[in-house]
């Protein structure tokens, strides 16, 4: 399956990336602001990602994007 149209769940990188990984908005997945380069936090460890759910169902997942 190829998704060619995507709308970001937030206007900044960390919350929109966390939303893509979890399928949940930042207020629900715990990532509400951008992380700094020196940040030690990240996606909460108790958060389930879509890749984990799909893996249990036998799927192999990958995320590929353009790097400017």
Protein backbone atom coordinates (compact mmCIF):
# COMPACT_ATOMS: atom_id res chain seq x y z
CA UNK A 1 0.00 0.00 0.00
CA UNK A 2 1.40 3.42 -0.88
CA UNK A 3 0.14 6.61 0.72
CA UNK A 4 0.78 9.62 -1.50
CA UNK A 5 -1.14 12.34 0.36
CA UNK A 6 -0.45 13.10 4.01
CA UNK A 7 -1.68 15.88 6.27
CA UNK A 8 0.41 16.66 9.36
CA UNK A 9 -1.21 16.35 12.77
CA UNK A 10 0.81 19.31 14.09
CA UNK A 11 2.72 22.28 12.74
CA UNK A 12 6.03 21.18 14.29
CA UNK A 13 8.20 18.10 13.76
CA UNK A 14 8.16 16.11 17.02
CA UNK A 15 4.38 16.11 17.62
CA UNK A 16 3.57 15.38 13.97
CA UNK A 17 6.12 12.54 13.84
CA UNK A 18 4.80 11.04 17.07
CA UNK A 19 1.27 11.25 15.67
CA UNK A 20 2.35 9.45 12.51
CA UNK A 21 3.96 6.67 14.55
CA UNK A 22 1.06 6.22 16.98
CA UNK A 23 -2.03 7.33 15.09
CA UNK A 24 -2.86 9.63 18.01
CA UNK A 25 -2.69 13.41 18.38
CA UNK A 26 0.04 14.97 20.52
CA UNK A 27 -2.26 15.67 23.44
CA UNK A 28 -3.04 11.94 23.59
CA UNK A 29 0.43 10.50 22.93
CA UNK A 30 2.29 12.87 25.27
CA UNK A 31 4.35 14.72 22.64
CA UNK A 32 3.07 18.30 22.53
CA UNK A 33 6.18 20.29 21.59
CA UNK A 34 9.41 19.94 19.62
CA UNK A 35 12.30 18.23 21.32
CA UNK A 36 15.62 20.04 21.45
CA UNK A 37 18.84 18.43 20.23
CA UNK A 38 19.82 17.96 23.89
CA UNK A 39 16.48 16.45 24.95
CA UNK A 40 16.60 13.10 26.72
CA UNK A 41 12.86 12.42 26.41
CA UNK A 42 10.84 11.20 23.52
CA UNK A 43 7.78 9.14 22.81
CA UNK A 44 6.55 7.69 26.12
CA UNK A 45 7.70 4.07 26.53
CA UNK A 46 4.15 2.90 27.24
CA UNK A 47 2.90 4.25 23.88
CA UNK A 48 2.12 1.59 21.27
CA UNK A 49 3.18 2.39 17.71
CA UNK A 50 1.28 1.34 14.61
CA UNK A 51 4.33 -0.65 13.49
CA UNK A 52 4.18 -2.73 16.69
CA UNK A 53 0.50 -3.50 16.15
CA UNK A 54 1.06 -4.44 12.51
CA UNK A 55 4.10 -6.58 13.38
CA UNK A 56 1.97 -8.71 15.73
CA UNK A 57 -0.37 -9.27 12.77
CA UNK A 58 2.54 -10.52 10.61
CA UNK A 59 3.30 -7.35 8.67
CA UNK A 60 6.78 -5.96 8.02
CA UNK A 61 6.86 -2.18 8.10
CA UNK A 62 9.21 0.57 6.95
CA UNK A 63 9.09 4.34 6.78
CA UNK A 64 10.97 5.99 3.94
CA UNK A 65 11.14 9.71 3.23
CA UNK A 66 13.08 12.35 1.38
CA UNK A 67 15.97 14.02 3.15
CA UNK A 68 16.68 17.49 1.80
